[in-house]
Protein backbone atom coordinates (compact mmCIF):
# COMPACT_ATOMS: atom_id res chain seq x y z
CA MET A 1 0.24 0.06 0.06
CA GLN A 2 1.43 3.40 -1.18
CA LYS A 3 1.96 5.78 1.79
CA SER A 4 0.05 8.99 1.81
CA THR A 5 1.81 11.77 0.98
CA ARG A 6 2.01 14.56 3.85
CA LYS A 7 0.74 18.26 2.56
CA LEU A 8 -1.56 20.79 3.45
CA ILE A 9 -4.53 21.74 1.22
CA ALA A 10 -6.10 25.34 2.07
CA VAL A 11 -9.94 26.33 0.78
CA GLY A 12 -11.44 29.60 0.69
CA ASP A 13 -14.82 30.67 1.84
CA VAL A 14 -17.29 27.82 0.94
CA HIS A 15 -20.66 29.69 1.57
CA GLY A 16 -22.71 26.68 1.55
CA GLN A 17 -21.15 25.29 -1.47
CA PHE A 18 -21.15 21.77 -0.71
CA GLU A 19 -20.68 20.32 -4.11
CA GLY A 20 -17.92 22.65 -5.07
CA LEU A 21 -16.24 21.87 -1.80
CA VAL A 22 -16.53 18.24 -2.19
CA LYS A 23 -14.68 18.56 -5.92
CA ILE A 24 -11.92 20.20 -4.36
CA LEU A 25 -11.30 17.56 -1.60
CA ARG A 26 -11.39 14.37 -3.92
CA ARG A 27 -9.33 16.10 -6.52
CA SER A 28 -6.74 16.90 -3.60
CA GLY A 29 -6.83 13.40 -2.52
CA LEU A 30 -8.25 14.02 0.87
CA ILE A 31 -11.44 12.18 0.79
CA ASP A 32 -12.76 9.24 -1.09
CA ALA A 33 -15.91 8.46 -3.26
CA ALA A 34 -18.31 8.27 0.24
CA HIS A 35 -16.83 11.59 1.71
CA HIS A 36 -14.70 9.92 4.28
CA TRP A 37 -11.27 11.09 4.92
CA CYS A 38 -8.36 9.28 3.01
CA GLY A 39 -5.78 11.91 3.36
CA GLY A 40 -3.71 10.08 6.10
CA PRO A 41 -1.52 12.50 7.57
CA SER A 42 -2.36 15.33 5.40
CA ARG A 43 -4.04 18.78 6.84
CA LEU A 44 -7.12 20.54 5.56
CA VAL A 45 -7.43 24.34 6.39
CA GLN A 46 -10.79 25.66 5.66
CA ILE A 47 -10.63 29.67 6.25
CA GLY A 48 -13.80 30.35 7.59
CA ASP A 49 -17.49 31.34 6.12
CA ILE A 50 -19.04 28.28 5.47
CA LEU A 51 -22.36 29.45 6.38
CA ASP A 52 -24.83 31.60 4.26
CA ARG A 53 -25.42 32.74 0.51
CA GLY A 54 -25.33 29.43 -0.47
CA PRO A 55 -27.90 26.57 -0.77
CA SER A 56 -26.11 24.20 1.86
CA SER A 57 -24.35 25.61 4.55
CA LEU A 58 -25.43 22.80 7.39
CA LYS A 59 -24.70 20.02 4.91
CA VAL A 60 -21.17 21.66 4.86
CA ASP A 61 -20.67 22.06 8.48
CA SER A 62 -21.84 18.14 8.86
CA LEU A 63 -19.15 16.98 6.38
CA LEU A 64 -16.20 19.44 7.93
CA ASP A 65 -17.45 18.00 11.51
CA LYS A 66 -17.06 14.42 10.26
CA LEU A 67 -13.93 14.86 8.47
CA GLN A 68 -12.07 16.65 11.45
CA ALA A 69 -12.85 13.37 13.65
CA GLU A 70 -11.89 10.88 10.88
CA ALA A 71 -8.68 12.85 10.22
CA GLU A 72 -7.67 12.96 13.96
CA VAL A 73 -7.72 9.15 13.73
CA ALA A 74 -5.74 9.08 10.57
CA GLY A 75 -3.24 11.21 12.08
CA GLY A 76 -4.22 14.27 9.94
CA GLU A 77 -5.73 17.47 10.99
CA VAL A 78 -8.85 19.37 9.66
CA ILE A 79 -8.22 22.91 10.88
CA ARG A 80 -11.28 25.09 10.60
CA LEU A 81 -11.07 29.00 11.02
CA VAL A 82 -13.67 31.16 11.99
CA GLY A 83 -15.09 34.04 9.47
CA ASN A 84 -16.81 36.87 10.10
CA HIS A 85 -20.07 35.02 9.19
CA GLU A 86 -19.59 32.64 12.22
CA LEU A 87 -18.45 35.32 14.04
CA GLU A 88 -21.43 37.56 13.89
CA ILE A 89 -23.49 34.46 14.86
CA ILE A 90 -21.29 33.95 17.86
CA MET A 91 -21.61 37.91 18.70
CA GLU A 92 -25.57 37.45 18.54
CA ASN A 93 -25.80 40.00 15.36
CA TYR A 94 -28.06 37.23 13.52
CA LEU A 95 -29.06 39.99 10.80
CA ILE A 96 -26.25 39.13 8.44
CA SER A 97 -27.17 35.78 9.00
CA GLU A 98 -29.83 33.60 6.38
CA PHE A 99 -30.84 31.57 9.35
CA GLN A 100 -33.98 32.27 11.43
CA ARG A 101 -33.11 33.57 14.53
CA GLU A 102 -33.85 30.31 16.82
CA GLN A 103 -31.80 28.52 14.25
CA ALA A 104 -29.03 30.78 14.60
CA MET A 105 -29.15 30.45 18.19
CA GLN A 106 -28.73 26.78 18.47
CA ILE A 107 -25.88 27.41 15.69
CA ARG A 108 -24.37 29.91 17.84
CA GLU A 109 -24.20 27.40 21.00
CA LYS A 110 -22.41 24.75 18.52
CA LEU A 111 -19.92 27.29 17.48
CA ILE A 112 -19.00 28.38 20.86
CA GLY A 113 -18.61 24.86 22.19
CA GLN A 114 -16.23 24.16 19.13
CA VAL A 115 -13.99 27.18 20.17
CA LEU A 116 -13.74 26.55 23.38
CA ALA A 117 -13.10 22.77 22.52
CA GLY A 118 -10.28 23.97 19.98
CA ASP A 119 -12.08 22.52 16.86
CA LEU A 120 -12.56 26.03 15.70
CA LYS A 121 -9.76 28.65 15.82
CA ALA A 122 -8.77 32.02 14.90
CA ALA A 123 -5.45 31.30 13.43
CA TYR A 124 -3.22 28.85 12.36
CA ALA A 125 0.49 28.48 11.11
CA TYR A 126 2.43 25.79 9.00
CA LYS A 127 5.74 26.13 7.46
CA GLY A 128 6.01 29.75 7.93
CA PHE A 129 2.33 30.59 6.46
CA LEU A 130 0.12 32.45 8.91
CA PHE A 131 -3.69 31.58 7.92
CA THR A 132 -6.80 33.84 9.32
CA HIS A 133 -9.87 34.52 7.67
CA ALA A 134 -9.09 38.07 6.64
CA GLY A 135 -5.43 38.82 7.34
CA VAL A 136 -3.44 40.76 9.67
CA THR A 137 -2.83 44.60 9.06
CA ARG A 138 0.38 46.28 9.95
CA LYS A 139 -1.19 47.98 12.69
CA LEU A 140 -2.26 44.57 14.29
CA PHE A 141 1.10 43.06 13.44
CA ARG A 142 2.74 46.35 15.30
CA ILE A 143 0.36 45.46 18.43
CA PHE A 144 1.45 41.69 18.20
CA ASN A 145 5.28 42.75 17.97
CA LEU A 146 5.02 44.55 21.24
CA GLN A 147 3.92 41.57 22.94
CA LEU A 148 6.28 38.62 21.17
CA ASP A 149 10.03 38.40 21.23
CA ASP A 150 9.82 36.66 17.94
CA PRO A 151 6.76 37.44 15.63
CA ASN A 152 6.64 34.51 13.56
CA ALA A 153 3.87 32.55 11.79
CA ALA A 154 3.84 30.13 15.02
CA ASN A 155 3.86 32.58 17.82
CA LEU A 156 1.46 34.81 16.01
CA SER A 157 -0.85 32.24 15.60
CA LEU A 158 -0.76 30.98 19.40
CA LEU A 159 -1.18 34.67 20.57
CA ILE A 160 -4.05 35.46 18.04
CA ASN A 161 -5.75 31.90 19.39
CA LEU A 162 -5.55 32.45 22.88
CA ILE A 163 -6.82 36.35 22.67
CA PHE A 164 -9.66 34.99 20.58
CA LYS A 165 -10.74 31.99 22.84
CA GLU A 166 -10.61 34.53 25.90
CA SER A 167 -12.73 36.88 23.92
CA ILE A 168 -15.26 34.32 23.07
CA LYS A 169 -15.33 32.81 26.87
CA HIS A 170 -15.95 36.04 28.12
CA ALA A 171 -18.30 37.61 25.46
CA PHE A 172 -15.99 40.43 25.13
CA PHE A 173 -15.10 41.66 21.84
CA LYS A 174 -13.13 44.82 22.16
CA HIS A 175 -9.46 43.62 21.27
CA PRO A 176 -8.58 45.02 17.61
CA ILE A 177 -8.56 41.92 16.25
CA PHE A 178 -12.29 42.08 15.76
CA ASN A 179 -11.99 45.92 14.20
CA ILE A 180 -14.35 46.88 11.54
CA SER A 181 -12.75 49.20 9.06
CA ILE A 182 -14.41 52.30 7.93
CA SER A 183 -14.82 50.87 4.44
CA ARG A 184 -17.34 48.71 6.36
CA LYS A 185 -18.82 51.35 8.26
CA GLY A 186 -16.88 50.56 11.19
CA PRO A 187 -14.61 53.34 13.32
CA ASP A 188 -11.22 51.86 12.18
CA ARG A 189 -8.92 52.76 9.51
CA PHE A 190 -8.14 49.03 9.42
CA GLY A 191 -10.11 46.08 10.41
CA GLY A 192 -9.16 42.93 12.31
CA ILE A 193 -8.81 39.69 11.22
CA PHE A 194 -12.16 38.70 10.15
CA TRP A 195 -13.43 42.01 8.40
CA GLU A 196 -10.48 43.42 6.87
CA ASP A 197 -10.98 43.80 2.87
CA LEU A 198 -7.71 42.91 0.44
CA GLU A 199 -7.41 46.70 -0.61
CA ASP A 200 -7.02 47.95 3.05
CA LEU A 201 -4.66 44.97 4.06
CA VAL A 202 -2.14 45.49 1.04
CA ASN A 203 -2.43 49.14 1.37
CA SER A 204 -1.31 48.63 5.27
CA TYR A 205 2.06 47.13 4.24
CA PRO A 206 4.14 49.50 2.28
CA GLN A 207 6.37 46.52 1.42
CA GLY A 208 4.90 43.62 1.90
CA SER A 209 3.57 41.49 4.90
CA PRO A 210 6.58 40.51 7.59
CA VAL A 211 5.24 36.87 7.21
CA TRP A 212 3.61 34.78 4.48
CA GLN A 213 -0.03 35.36 5.08
CA VAL A 214 -3.19 33.02 3.69
CA PHE A 215 -6.77 34.27 3.87
CA GLY A 216 -10.03 34.46 2.41
CA HIS A 217 -12.88 37.36 2.84
CA THR A 218 -12.40 39.28 -0.31
CA PRO A 219 -13.49 37.64 -3.63
CA VAL A 220 -10.66 37.76 -5.94
CA GLU A 221 -10.67 36.49 -9.47
CA THR A 222 -7.95 33.98 -9.08
CA MET A 223 -5.46 32.78 -6.40
CA VAL A 224 -2.06 34.59 -6.90
CA ILE A 225 1.09 33.41 -4.81
CA ASP A 226 2.15 37.07 -4.27
CA ARG A 227 5.97 36.81 -3.45
CA VAL A 228 6.21 40.61 -3.29
CA MET A 229 3.47 41.10 -0.69
CA ASN A 230 3.90 37.66 0.89
CA MET A 231 0.10 37.08 0.72
CA VAL A 232 -2.26 34.18 -1.01
CA ALA A 233 -5.94 35.37 -1.23
CA LEU A 234 -8.13 32.46 -1.38
CA ASP A 235 -11.54 33.30 -1.74
CA VAL A 236 -12.28 32.94 -5.59
CA GLY A 237 -16.17 32.40 -5.01
CA MET A 238 -16.62 28.74 -4.89
CA HIS A 239 -19.80 28.79 -6.97
CA LEU A 240 -17.80 30.58 -9.81
CA LYS A 241 -14.49 28.71 -9.58
CA LEU A 242 -12.93 25.80 -7.92
CA GLN A 243 -9.44 26.25 -6.65
CA TYR A 244 -7.30 25.74 -3.79
CA LEU A 245 -3.44 25.98 -2.24
CA GLU A 246 -1.26 23.35 -1.52
CA ILE A 247 2.02 23.37 0.18
CA THR A 248 4.25 20.38 0.60
CA ASP A 249 5.93 19.22 3.58
CA GLN A 250 9.13 21.06 2.35
CA GLY A 251 6.81 24.43 2.58
CA ILE A 252 6.43 24.87 -1.20
CA PRO A 253 3.12 26.49 -2.08
CA SER A 254 1.08 26.13 -5.39
CA VAL A 255 -2.10 26.97 -6.86
CA ILE A 256 -4.39 24.02 -8.30
CA SER A 257 -7.25 24.64 -10.57
CA LEU A 258 -9.94 22.06 -11.12
């Protein structure tokens, strides 16, 4: 039996596009025809925003729940990040959601439980790449830099997840990671890791991000590995185009199109 190749597959905002997600996971070799994990020690990172807009949000959620458990048994990992659509439900801002209030409240309870259990995160690091839903602006990086002796991707991820988990635990959302930018009618020039738009994120760095960043949130026409800005934007709109990012165990990234 051939040994499974260790790799990381990252996918952008799903927004209820179950069939598109399945096609990507099948093509990348992470699931079989029965939708079970077959990726062995590989990793899947989903960047957040699985909910709303598309036809099958809860079906996507159930699939990722199952794959997260199956991957752990197989020595792999499914990393699920929180996007702004999940965050708004957690914060009880139900108007952004397509779900009726009672169902949204049930989803909120599940989301909070998953965050506290460590099954949902705000950030993840792999081979020097930092994954968040919408990216870390220069302003935020400076804030984190004051708290870290070495602000590398792994340390940034640990700090962000600590802040996020404590914020959820205490329902206190005043940290700058939760900021909404003025372009989204918020009070700040630049937003936090859930709401920052790509244009503002890029403009916050005169010479490129000091760490490699992978994020979704802002739709782009196609994925590009930008070696000047040190950024990869994943959200190509799964209803329009199917692409994913693959990072080998040696840390080499590539964009795969279906």
